[in-house]
Amino acid sequence: MTPSVPPHPEEQTQSARIAGLDAAGAPAPTLTILWHPDSQRLGEQCAVSVDDDTLVPISRFTPGFSAPGVLGGRPLEHASVSRTPIHLLASRDGSVRLWFPAGPVCHEVDGLPAGGELLLTREQIASGVVLSLRGRVVLHLGHRTALPDRLSGRLLGVSGAMVRVRRQIAQAASTELPVLVLGESGTGKELVAQEIHARGSRSGRPLCTVNMAALTESIATTELFGCVKGAFTGADAARRGLWAEADGATLFMDEVGDTPALVQPMLLRAVETGQYRPVGSSRVERADVRLIAATDRPLQERGFNVPLLRRLEAFVIRMPALRDRREDLGVLLRREFDEAGDVASWLGEVPPELVRALCLHDWPGNVRQLRHAVHRLVLAAQDRQWLSVEDLLSLPPASSAARATGNGLLPLAESAPGPFTDDEPQDPPRTGWRAPSSVTSEELLNALEQQAWSLRATATSLGISRSSLYALIDRHPLIRWPDDIAGDEIAAAVTEAPAGDVAALASNLRTPREALRRRLVSLGISH
């Protein structure tokens, strides 16, 4: 059946389309603006109709994008976006096809040139795809998993993951249960504690905060529960602990996984009964404390006191990593730019390679790292100077995350898939992060073979970031990037590999599969 362009693609409001998609049970692809020379457009979204027979044009004048919770919308309306549209077809199986207009390459998918027809599987869309329109406007294409809400407070994000976090915060604030906030460093765990306290019944009292990683075993008990005069050498006066200071209020224990083992049973009793005993005292004190704890570590694997863990788990909020909610980059960038002052006059001048770096980087330091990068960018831009990608992202100069490709662009994310097969393997379970230096050459080669030469799956299976994987590949004597392989050699290998089996071809050439697909397209070789 030949897809047809609807006569009036914007007749239905965005909210009505989303509601219809949810009711039908089909995943709802959504385009989100990650970068636009007008900073006020960052974070605007457009829900895409799911219809196996309807093409959606993406151009300067269509479709319309709007802020979360706002009906209607306006097109991208920037001169860098072509009037000739890219066409998108979203199917009910969750896959998406893109058709790029003929002519010079000016669009990119996940950092690499795109042309012709491109098939993106349901898994790839669920992971998120970055679509660059001539390097000046960048969109994120992913599945919507929750209806958007109006953004407020510091915990910004248009992703379904952040919508759920805000709903959980509202639920937790309506209770007095202990809350455990889990997530990587820099994801905003302390902001969650602040929001719960501000919305709860104790908001009129202080939010007491302690970083347990900063307390040694010798002072942790005193810091938490206080001491009486003369309890130990140097205790010249009685001291109230944090538990007493938080009476009737909220205590936020950051890095709770670093609580000394000796203190954990005392903390358990205080959480269960409200009772505690200051150091050196013979009298039991009582305090009514709302406890919120946070950690970036798996407590079950660290010998943490299990009964205490069960008490803390009364209400759990998991903060997603920024790399897992890339569609939130736009609203986060807008906030950081707004806080930096008037940037409208130079935002459109940011070099495309820096735009790509911001949109494709994996952000291992999460929102905190993003904030620091934007502040460095703004300070340099005030003098009309632009940082290198290495300086912007605090990368070592030799990092292959900044490795130039044939078109001078930076593959900071895995290559985009091509229109050859849709048999992408599921990512293997991550077993935990490890030092890239511990990965041997033989282990790297075996992992690539086991994961069918998929960079994302290989990085996950090894427990390293993709930027670290690029560096290991650069140094490996037997692995090459497709751009470094002569076209004649690739053409000869194609004749020997099974038709349509790009993984087998990648294995024969010992080169990453997705980048090889793009190389085949650029060479005009079908396989």
Protein backbone atom coordinates (compact mmCIF):
# COMPACT_ATOMS: atom_id res chain seq x y z
CA MET A 1 0.00 0.00 0.00
CA THR A 2 1.46 3.38 -0.99
CA PRO A 3 1.55 5.92 1.85
CA SER A 4 -0.32 9.13 1.20
CA VAL A 5 0.10 12.59 2.68
CA PRO A 6 -3.01 13.69 4.61
CA PRO A 7 -4.58 16.95 3.37
CA HIS A 8 -4.54 18.65 6.78
CA PRO A 9 -2.06 16.90 9.11
CA GLU A 10 -2.53 19.43 11.94
CA GLU A 11 -6.36 19.39 12.15
CA GLN A 12 -6.29 17.29 15.30
CA THR A 13 -4.66 18.81 18.35
CA GLN A 14 -1.54 17.19 19.70
CA SER A 15 -3.27 16.11 22.90
CA ALA A 16 -6.13 14.46 20.98
CA ARG A 17 -3.70 12.49 18.85
CA ILE A 18 -1.73 11.34 21.89
CA ALA A 19 -4.90 10.21 23.66
CA GLY A 20 -5.93 8.26 20.59
CA LEU A 21 -2.54 6.60 20.34
CA ASP A 22 -2.60 5.56 23.99
CA ALA A 23 -6.12 4.15 23.62
CA ALA A 24 -5.06 2.12 20.59
CA GLY A 25 -2.18 0.63 22.54
CA ALA A 26 0.41 1.57 19.91
CA PRO A 27 3.65 3.33 20.88
CA ALA A 28 3.47 7.07 20.22
CA PRO A 29 6.54 8.42 18.40
CA THR A 30 7.33 11.97 19.43
CA LEU A 31 9.69 14.58 18.01
CA THR A 32 11.36 16.85 20.58
CA ILE A 33 13.48 19.91 19.79
CA LEU A 34 16.94 19.40 21.33
CA TRP A 35 18.53 22.41 19.63
CA HIS A 36 17.20 25.47 17.87
CA PRO A 37 18.77 28.92 17.43
CA ASP A 38 15.76 30.28 19.31
CA SER A 39 16.34 29.02 22.87
CA GLN A 40 12.63 29.34 23.69
CA ARG A 41 11.91 26.52 21.25
CA LEU A 42 14.09 24.01 23.12
CA GLY A 43 12.02 21.18 24.58
CA GLU A 44 8.96 21.74 22.38
CA GLN A 45 7.36 18.53 21.13
CA CYS A 46 5.22 17.12 18.36
CA ALA A 47 3.37 13.81 18.63
CA VAL A 48 3.51 11.80 15.40
CA SER A 49 0.44 10.01 14.09
CA VAL A 50 0.79 6.22 14.08
CA ASP A 51 -0.64 5.05 10.79
CA ASP A 52 0.77 2.43 8.42
CA ASP A 53 -0.53 4.51 5.50
CA THR A 54 0.24 8.14 6.40
CA LEU A 55 3.48 10.00 5.73
CA VAL A 56 4.37 12.85 8.08
CA PRO A 57 6.48 15.62 6.49
CA ILE A 58 9.24 17.25 8.52
CA SER A 59 10.31 20.58 7.04
CA ARG A 60 10.58 24.28 7.79
CA PHE A 61 6.80 24.67 7.73
CA THR A 62 5.46 21.39 9.14
CA PRO A 63 4.66 19.86 11.63
CA GLY A 64 3.82 22.10 14.59
CA PHE A 65 5.74 21.90 17.89
CA SER A 66 4.48 23.10 21.26
CA ALA A 67 5.61 23.33 24.87
CA PRO A 68 4.41 20.61 27.29
CA GLY A 69 0.77 21.05 28.26
CA VAL A 70 0.14 23.67 25.55
CA LEU A 71 -2.31 22.97 22.73
CA GLY A 72 -1.48 23.90 19.17
CA GLY A 73 2.01 24.66 18.00
CA ARG A 74 4.19 26.23 15.36
CA PRO A 75 6.64 24.78 12.84
CA LEU A 76 10.41 24.93 13.12
CA GLU A 77 10.47 28.14 11.05
CA HIS A 78 14.22 28.47 10.70
CA ALA A 79 16.09 29.19 7.49
CA SER A 80 18.52 26.33 8.06
CA VAL A 81 15.65 23.81 7.79
CA SER A 82 14.85 22.85 4.23
CA ARG A 83 11.48 23.49 2.65
CA THR A 84 11.81 20.06 1.05
CA PRO A 85 10.59 17.66 3.72
CA ILE A 86 11.91 14.49 5.22
CA HIS A 87 9.01 12.03 5.29
CA LEU A 88 8.33 9.89 8.33
CA LEU A 89 6.10 6.82 8.52
CA ALA A 90 5.32 5.46 12.00
CA SER A 91 3.91 1.94 12.05
CA ARG A 92 1.83 0.28 14.73
CA ASP A 93 4.59 -2.26 15.37
CA GLY A 94 6.66 0.59 16.82
CA SER A 95 9.07 0.93 13.90
CA VAL A 96 9.64 4.14 11.94
CA ARG A 97 10.77 4.67 8.35
CA LEU A 98 12.39 7.88 7.16
CA TRP A 99 12.74 9.05 3.56
CA PHE A 100 15.35 11.75 2.99
CA PRO A 101 15.16 14.03 -0.06
CA ALA A 102 17.60 13.48 -2.91
CA GLY A 103 20.53 15.86 -3.24
CA PRO A 104 23.64 16.77 -1.25
CA VAL A 105 23.84 15.15 2.18
CA CYS A 106 22.73 17.70 4.76
CA HIS A 107 20.92 15.58 7.37
CA GLU A 108 22.32 13.26 10.01
CA VAL A 109 20.94 10.44 12.13
CA ASP A 110 22.83 9.88 15.39
CA GLY A 111 25.74 11.93 14.07
CA LEU A 112 26.24 10.31 10.67
CA PRO A 113 25.03 11.36 7.18
CA ALA A 114 21.63 10.03 6.19
CA GLY A 115 20.05 9.64 2.78
CA GLY A 116 17.49 7.55 0.93
CA GLU A 117 15.26 5.29 3.00
CA LEU A 118 16.05 4.44 6.60
CA LEU A 119 14.34 1.86 8.81
CA LEU A 120 14.42 2.34 12.57
CA THR A 121 13.22 -0.57 14.68
CA ARG A 122 10.94 -0.29 17.70
CA GLU A 123 13.93 -0.90 19.99
CA GLN A 124 15.95 1.86 18.35
CA ILE A 125 13.11 4.37 18.64
CA ALA A 126 12.57 3.36 22.28
CA SER A 127 16.26 4.08 22.93
CA GLY A 128 15.98 7.44 21.16
CA VAL A 129 17.35 8.68 17.85
CA VAL A 130 18.92 12.10 17.24
CA LEU A 131 17.97 13.71 13.91
CA SER A 132 20.05 16.71 12.81
CA LEU A 133 18.66 19.08 10.17
CA ARG A 134 21.70 20.76 8.62
CA GLY A 135 23.36 20.97 12.00
CA ARG A 136 21.38 23.99 13.19
CA VAL A 137 18.16 22.33 14.32
CA VAL A 138 18.34 18.99 16.13
CA LEU A 139 15.37 16.76 16.96
CA HIS A 140 14.98 13.70 19.15
CA LEU A 141 12.75 10.89 17.90
CA GLY A 142 11.51 8.51 20.57
CA HIS A 143 8.45 6.78 21.97
CA ARG A 144 6.23 8.72 24.34
CA THR A 145 5.47 6.67 27.44
CA ALA A 146 3.42 9.22 29.41
CA LEU A 147 1.28 12.24 28.67
CA PRO A 148 3.19 15.51 29.13
CA ASP A 149 2.55 17.87 32.02
CA ARG A 150 3.34 21.52 32.55
CA LEU A 151 6.91 21.99 33.72
CA SER A 152 7.58 23.61 37.08
CA GLY A 153 10.26 23.55 39.73
CA ARG A 154 13.82 22.35 39.17
CA LEU A 155 13.09 18.79 38.12
CA LEU A 156 12.53 19.52 34.45
CA GLY A 157 11.98 16.99 31.68
CA VAL A 158 9.48 16.15 28.98
CA SER A 159 10.32 12.45 29.00
CA GLY A 160 7.95 9.85 30.37
CA ALA A 161 10.60 8.97 32.94
CA MET A 162 10.57 12.47 34.42
CA VAL A 163 6.77 12.70 34.29
CA ARG A 164 6.70 9.55 36.45
CA VAL A 165 9.31 10.97 38.84
CA ARG A 166 7.23 14.12 39.38
CA ARG A 167 4.14 12.00 40.04
CA GLN A 168 6.05 9.88 42.53
CA ILE A 169 7.27 13.00 44.32
CA ALA A 170 3.67 14.16 44.71
CA GLN A 171 2.71 10.74 46.09
CA ALA A 172 5.64 10.62 48.51
CA ALA A 173 4.94 14.16 49.74
CA SER A 174 1.42 13.15 50.77
CA THR A 175 2.79 10.47 53.14
CA GLU A 176 5.19 10.30 56.08
CA LEU A 177 6.96 7.18 54.76
CA PRO A 178 10.76 7.03 54.54
CA VAL A 179 11.88 7.59 50.95
CA LEU A 180 14.91 6.07 49.20
CA VAL A 181 16.08 7.94 46.09
CA LEU A 182 18.27 5.90 43.75
CA GLY A 183 20.27 7.14 40.78
CA GLU A 184 23.67 7.95 39.38
CA SER A 185 25.65 10.93 40.56
CA GLY A 186 24.38 14.18 39.08
CA THR A 187 20.83 13.02 38.32
CA GLY A 188 19.18 15.33 40.87
CA LYS A 189 18.56 13.16 43.93
CA GLU A 190 18.90 16.09 46.35
CA LEU A 191 16.39 18.06 44.28
CA VAL A 192 13.93 15.20 44.77
CA ALA A 193 14.38 15.46 48.54
CA GLN A 194 13.86 19.21 48.41
CA GLU A 195 10.67 18.83 46.35
CA ILE A 196 9.21 16.17 48.67
CA HIS A 197 9.92 18.34 51.72
CA ALA A 198 8.54 21.49 50.08
CA ARG A 199 5.28 19.76 49.15
CA GLY A 200 4.84 17.86 52.41
CA SER A 201 3.20 18.76 55.70
CA ARG A 202 6.61 19.64 57.21
CA SER A 203 7.46 22.32 54.66
CA GLY A 204 7.35 25.02 57.34
CA ARG A 205 10.26 23.38 59.15
CA PRO A 206 13.89 23.03 57.98
CA LEU A 207 15.24 20.39 55.63
CA CYS A 208 18.32 19.09 57.45
CA THR A 209 20.96 17.59 55.19
CA VAL A 210 23.97 15.38 55.84
CA ASN A 211 26.40 13.71 53.46
CA MET A 212 27.20 10.34 55.02
CA ALA A 213 30.26 9.89 52.79
CA ALA A 214 31.89 12.80 54.64
CA LEU A 215 31.47 11.22 58.09
CA THR A 216 34.00 8.88 59.58
CA GLU A 217 32.89 6.12 61.90
CA SER A 218 34.29 8.00 64.90
CA ILE A 219 32.12 11.10 64.39
CA ALA A 220 29.05 9.71 62.57
CA THR A 221 27.22 8.72 65.76
CA THR A 222 27.83 12.12 67.36
CA GLU A 223 26.85 13.98 64.20
CA LEU A 224 23.57 12.07 63.94
CA PHE A 225 22.54 11.62 67.58
CA GLY A 226 24.58 14.17 69.52
CA CYS A 227 26.53 13.72 72.76
CA VAL A 228 26.57 14.83 76.37
CA LYS A 229 29.31 16.90 77.94
CA GLY A 230 32.34 14.81 78.79
CA ALA A 231 31.25 11.85 76.66
CA PHE A 232 34.74 11.71 75.12
CA THR A 233 37.91 13.73 75.01
CA GLY A 234 37.14 17.11 73.50
CA ALA A 235 33.41 16.98 74.31
CA ASP A 236 33.50 20.19 76.36
CA ALA A 237 29.79 20.80 75.95
CA ALA A 238 26.64 18.88 75.15
CA ARG A 239 25.81 18.77 71.43
CA ARG A 240 22.53 18.22 69.65
CA GLY A 241 22.69 15.82 66.73
CA LEU A 242 20.96 16.06 63.37
CA TRP A 243 18.22 13.71 64.55
CA ALA A 244 17.24 16.17 67.27
CA GLU A 245 17.53 19.17 64.92
CA ALA A 246 15.16 17.46 62.47
CA ASP A 247 12.47 16.84 65.10
CA GLY A 248 9.18 17.69 63.41
CA ALA A 249 11.05 18.29 60.14
CA THR A 250 12.84 16.28 57.42
CA LEU A 251 16.32 14.77 57.44
CA PHE A 252 17.97 14.11 54.08
CA MET A 253 20.82 11.57 54.25
CA ASP A 254 22.82 11.74 51.05
CA GLU A 255 25.17 8.87 50.14
CA VAL A 256 23.41 6.70 52.71
CA GLY A 257 25.29 3.69 51.38
CA ASP A 258 28.42 5.07 53.06
CA THR A 259 26.85 5.03 56.53
CA PRO A 260 29.38 3.27 58.83
CA ALA A 261 28.33 -0.27 59.72
CA LEU A 262 28.47 0.55 63.46
CA VAL A 263 25.88 3.31 63.03
CA GLN A 264 23.41 1.41 60.86
CA PRO A 265 21.68 -0.53 63.72
CA MET A 266 21.32 2.74 65.68
CA LEU A 267 19.81 4.39 62.64
CA LEU A 268 17.42 1.46 62.19
CA ARG A 269 16.10 1.88 65.72
CA ALA A 270 15.69 5.63 65.24
CA VAL A 271 13.76 5.09 62.00
CA GLU A 272 11.53 2.38 63.51
CA THR A 273 10.75 3.95 66.87
CA GLY A 274 11.94 7.54 66.73
CA GLN A 275 14.16 6.76 69.74
CA TYR A 276 17.90 7.37 69.97
CA ARG A 277 20.55 7.73 72.64
CA PRO A 278 23.13 10.57 72.48
CA VAL A 279 26.72 9.44 72.93
CA GLY A 280 27.54 9.19 76.65
CA SER A 281 23.94 9.57 77.75
CA SER A 282 21.99 7.10 79.84
CA ARG A 283 18.66 8.55 78.74
CA VAL A 284 16.75 7.67 75.56
CA GLU A 285 15.56 10.65 73.55
CA ARG A 286 12.75 10.75 71.03
CA ALA A 287 12.29 12.76 67.82
CA ASP A 288 9.67 12.77 65.08
CA VAL A 289 11.78 12.77 61.88
CA ARG A 290 10.77 12.31 58.23
CA LEU A 291 13.72 10.53 56.60
CA ILE A 292 14.74 10.77 52.96
CA ALA A 293 17.87 8.89 51.88
CA ALA A 294 19.75 8.77 48.60
CA THR A 295 22.52 6.70 47.06
CA ASP A 296 24.13 5.99 43.72
CA ARG A 297 25.28 2.53 44.81
CA PRO A 298 23.55 -0.88 44.94
CA LEU A 299 23.04 -1.26 48.69
CA GLN A 300 22.24 -4.97 48.44
CA GLU A 301 25.75 -5.65 47.13
CA ARG A 302 27.58 -3.58 49.76
CA GLY A 303 26.70 -5.46 52.94
CA PHE A 304 24.24 -2.77 53.97
CA ASN A 305 22.05 -3.55 56.98
CA VAL A 306 19.12 -5.42 55.40
CA PRO A 307 16.43 -4.48 57.98
CA LEU A 308 17.44 -0.82 57.62
CA LEU A 309 17.32 -1.11 53.84
CA ARG A 310 13.80 -2.55 54.03
CA ARG A 311 12.71 0.41 56.14
CA LEU A 312 14.23 2.90 53.71
CA GLU A 313 12.55 1.13 50.80
CA ALA A 314 9.08 2.05 52.05
CA PHE A 315 8.93 4.40 49.04
CA VAL A 316 11.54 4.21 46.28
CA ILE A 317 12.13 6.80 43.54
CA ARG A 318 14.58 5.92 40.78
CA MET A 319 16.17 8.85 38.97
CA PRO A 320 16.94 8.06 35.32
CA ALA A 321 20.36 8.79 33.84
CA LEU A 322 20.44 11.65 31.34
CA ARG A 323 21.57 9.32 28.55
CA ASP A 324 18.31 7.37 29.06
CA ARG A 325 16.15 10.50 28.69
CA ARG A 326 17.93 12.36 25.93
CA GLU A 327 14.69 14.08 24.90
CA ASP A 328 15.05 16.18 28.07
CA LEU A 329 18.24 17.83 26.82
CA GLY A 330 16.27 20.66 25.18
CA VAL A 331 14.46 21.89 28.30
CA LEU A 332 17.57 21.40 30.42
CA LEU A 333 19.69 23.41 27.98
CA ARG A 334 17.04 26.15 27.89
CA ARG A 335 17.11 26.46 31.68
CA GLU A 336 20.89 26.64 31.79
CA PHE A 337 21.00 29.22 29.00
CA ASP A 338 18.27 31.30 30.66
CA GLU A 339 20.16 31.30 33.94
CA ALA A 340 23.33 32.35 32.10
CA GLY A 341 21.64 35.53 30.83
CA ASP A 342 20.77 36.86 27.39
CA VAL A 343 22.12 34.35 24.87
CA ALA A 344 19.66 34.90 22.01
CA SER A 345 22.12 37.07 20.07
CA TRP A 346 24.73 34.35 19.70
CA LEU A 347 22.93 31.03 20.15
CA GLY A 348 22.58 30.58 16.39
CA GLU A 349 26.32 31.00 15.97
CA VAL A 350 27.32 27.93 17.97
CA PRO A 351 29.43 25.71 15.66
CA PRO A 352 27.65 22.55 14.46
CA GLU A 353 30.28 20.29 16.03
CA LEU A 354 29.51 21.75 19.47
CA VAL A 355 25.78 21.38 18.86
CA ARG A 356 26.36 17.74 17.97
CA ALA A 357 28.52 17.24 21.06
CA LEU A 358 25.78 18.57 23.34
CA CYS A 359 23.06 16.45 21.72
CA LEU A 360 24.95 13.17 21.26
CA HIS A 361 27.20 12.96 24.30
CA ASP A 362 26.32 10.22 26.81
CA TRP A 363 26.73 12.62 29.79
CA PRO A 364 28.22 10.20 32.36
CA GLY A 365 28.03 13.05 34.89
CA ASN A 366 24.35 13.57 34.02
CA VAL A 367 22.62 16.95 34.59
CA ARG A 368 25.45 18.28 36.74
CA GLN A 369 27.95 17.72 33.93
CA LEU A 370 25.57 19.31 31.42
CA ARG A 371 25.26 22.41 33.60
CA HIS A 372 29.02 22.80 33.85
CA ALA A 373 29.44 22.34 30.10
CA VAL A 374 26.87 25.04 29.31
CA HIS A 375 28.47 27.45 31.77
CA ARG A 376 31.86 26.93 30.11
CA LEU A 377 30.27 27.42 26.70
CA VAL A 378 28.55 30.66 27.74
CA LEU A 379 31.64 32.14 29.37
CA ALA A 380 33.71 31.48 26.24
CA ALA A 381 30.94 32.75 23.93
CA GLN A 382 30.77 36.09 25.73
CA ASP A 383 34.09 36.86 24.01
CA ARG A 384 32.88 35.24 20.76
CA GLN A 385 35.25 32.35 21.29
CA TRP A 386 34.24 28.72 20.99
CA LEU A 387 35.60 25.86 23.03
CA SER A 388 36.84 22.67 21.43
CA VAL A 389 34.68 19.61 21.96
CA GLU A 390 37.34 18.20 24.28
CA ASP A 391 37.28 21.31 26.48
CA LEU A 392 33.49 21.55 26.39
CA LEU A 393 33.01 17.97 27.59
CA SER A 394 36.23 17.64 29.62
CA LEU A 395 37.52 14.90 27.33
CA PRO A 396 41.19 13.97 26.99
CA PRO A 397 42.67 15.33 23.72
CA ALA A 398 43.25 11.84 22.32
CA SER A 399 39.75 10.63 23.11
CA SER A 400 38.13 8.90 20.17
CA ALA A 401 34.87 10.51 21.27
CA ALA A 402 36.24 13.49 19.35
CA ARG A 403 37.61 11.40 16.46
CA ALA A 404 36.90 13.14 13.15
CA THR A 405 35.18 11.18 10.42
CA GLY A 406 35.46 11.71 6.71
CA ASN A 407 32.94 14.57 6.82
CA GLY A 408 34.63 16.29 9.75
CA LEU A 409 31.89 15.36 12.21
CA LEU A 410 32.15 13.76 15.61
CA PRO A 411 30.66 10.29 16.32
CA LEU A 412 29.89 10.91 19.99
CA ALA A 413 27.03 8.40 19.79
CA GLU A 414 26.68 5.07 18.07
CA SER A 415 26.15 5.20 14.33
CA ALA A 416 22.64 5.31 12.97
CA PRO A 417 21.09 2.15 11.58
CA GLY A 418 20.72 1.74 7.86
CA PRO A 419 17.94 0.40 5.62
CA PHE A 420 19.28 -3.14 5.44
CA THR A 421 17.91 -5.32 8.24
CA ASP A 422 15.79 -4.85 11.32
CA ASP A 423 17.24 -7.71 13.36
CA GLU A 424 18.93 -5.56 16.01
CA PRO A 425 19.79 -7.68 19.08
CA GLN A 426 18.52 -6.63 22.47
CA ASP A 427 21.18 -5.03 24.68
CA PRO A 428 22.64 -7.59 27.10
CA PRO A 429 22.16 -6.88 30.80
CA ARG A 430 24.77 -4.51 32.25
CA THR A 431 26.80 -6.15 34.97
CA GLY A 432 28.22 -2.93 36.37
CA TRP A 433 30.76 -0.32 35.30
CA ARG A 434 34.43 -1.22 35.02
CA ALA A 435 37.67 0.52 34.12
CA PRO A 436 38.20 0.51 30.32
CA SER A 437 41.87 -0.24 30.93
CA SER A 438 40.86 -3.65 32.32
CA VAL A 439 39.41 -4.74 28.94
CA THR A 440 42.00 -6.82 27.08
CA SER A 441 42.35 -6.84 23.28
CA GLU A 442 41.11 -10.42 23.12
CA GLU A 443 38.12 -9.66 25.38
CA LEU A 444 37.18 -6.67 23.23
CA LEU A 445 37.30 -8.71 20.02
CA ASN A 446 35.28 -11.54 21.57
CA ALA A 447 32.66 -9.11 22.90
CA LEU A 448 32.24 -7.50 19.48
CA GLU A 449 31.78 -10.93 17.90
CA GLN A 450 29.26 -12.01 20.53
CA GLN A 451 27.24 -8.80 20.07
CA ALA A 452 27.32 -9.02 16.26
CA TRP A 453 29.62 -5.96 16.07
CA SER A 454 27.01 -3.63 17.60
CA LEU A 455 28.79 -0.85 19.52
CA ARG A 456 25.95 -0.14 21.92
CA ALA A 457 25.46 -3.79 22.85
CA THR A 458 29.22 -4.32 23.18
CA ALA A 459 29.69 -1.32 25.48
CA THR A 460 26.80 -2.53 27.63
CA SER A 461 28.11 -6.09 27.84
CA LEU A 462 31.59 -4.88 28.82
CA GLY A 463 30.27 -2.36 31.35
CA ILE A 464 31.98 0.66 29.77
CA SER A 465 30.75 3.82 28.05
CA ARG A 466 30.61 4.06 24.26
CA SER A 467 33.23 6.82 24.25
CA SER A 468 35.58 4.44 26.10
CA LEU A 469 34.74 1.72 23.59
CA TYR A 470 35.71 4.03 20.71
CA ALA A 471 39.10 4.60 22.35
CA LEU A 472 39.67 0.83 22.76
CA ILE A 473 38.77 0.25 19.11
CA ASP A 474 41.17 3.00 18.01
CA ARG A 475 44.02 1.23 19.79
CA HIS A 476 43.15 -2.33 18.71
CA PRO A 477 45.51 -3.60 15.98
CA LEU A 478 42.89 -5.85 14.31
CA ILE A 479 39.84 -3.57 14.29
CA ARG A 480 39.25 -0.80 11.75
CA TRP A 481 36.63 1.88 11.27
CA PRO A 482 34.69 1.56 7.98
CA ASP A 483 35.97 4.93 6.76
CA ASP A 484 39.51 3.52 6.96
CA ILE A 485 38.69 0.53 4.75
CA ALA A 486 39.12 0.92 0.98
CA GLY A 487 35.92 0.78 -1.04
CA ASP A 488 37.30 -2.02 -3.23
CA GLU A 489 37.97 -4.18 -0.19
CA ILE A 490 34.44 -3.63 1.10
CA ALA A 491 32.95 -4.41 -2.32
CA ALA A 492 34.95 -7.64 -2.50
CA ALA A 493 33.85 -8.66 1.00
CA VAL A 494 30.20 -8.05 0.09
CA THR A 495 30.40 -10.69 -2.65
CA GLU A 496 31.58 -13.28 -0.10
CA ALA A 497 29.16 -12.52 2.75
CA PRO A 498 25.58 -13.89 2.86
CA ALA A 499 23.17 -11.48 1.19
CA GLY A 500 21.59 -9.06 3.68
CA ASP A 501 23.73 -10.25 6.61
CA VAL A 502 25.54 -7.05 7.60
CA ALA A 503 26.68 -8.62 10.88
CA ALA A 504 28.56 -11.34 8.98
CA LEU A 505 30.07 -8.71 6.70
CA ALA A 506 31.15 -6.65 9.72
CA SER A 507 32.71 -9.74 11.29
CA ASN A 508 34.66 -10.53 8.13
CA LEU A 509 35.96 -6.97 7.90
CA ARG A 510 36.31 -6.59 11.68
CA THR A 511 34.55 -3.26 11.78
CA PRO A 512 31.52 -1.85 13.70
CA ARG A 513 28.29 -2.91 12.02
CA GLU A 514 26.18 0.24 12.13
CA ALA A 515 29.01 2.45 10.86
CA LEU A 516 29.55 -0.12 8.11
CA ARG A 517 25.93 0.22 7.05
CA ARG A 518 26.40 3.95 6.59
CA ARG A 519 29.61 3.34 4.66
CA LEU A 520 27.77 0.98 2.31
CA VAL A 521 25.20 3.70 1.64
CA SER A 522 27.88 6.30 0.92
CA LEU A 523 29.61 3.88 -1.50
CA GLY A 524 26.33 3.01 -3.20
CA ILE A 525 26.81 -0.69 -2.44
CA SER A 526 23.70 -2.78 -1.79
CA HIS A 527 23.95 -5.90 0.33
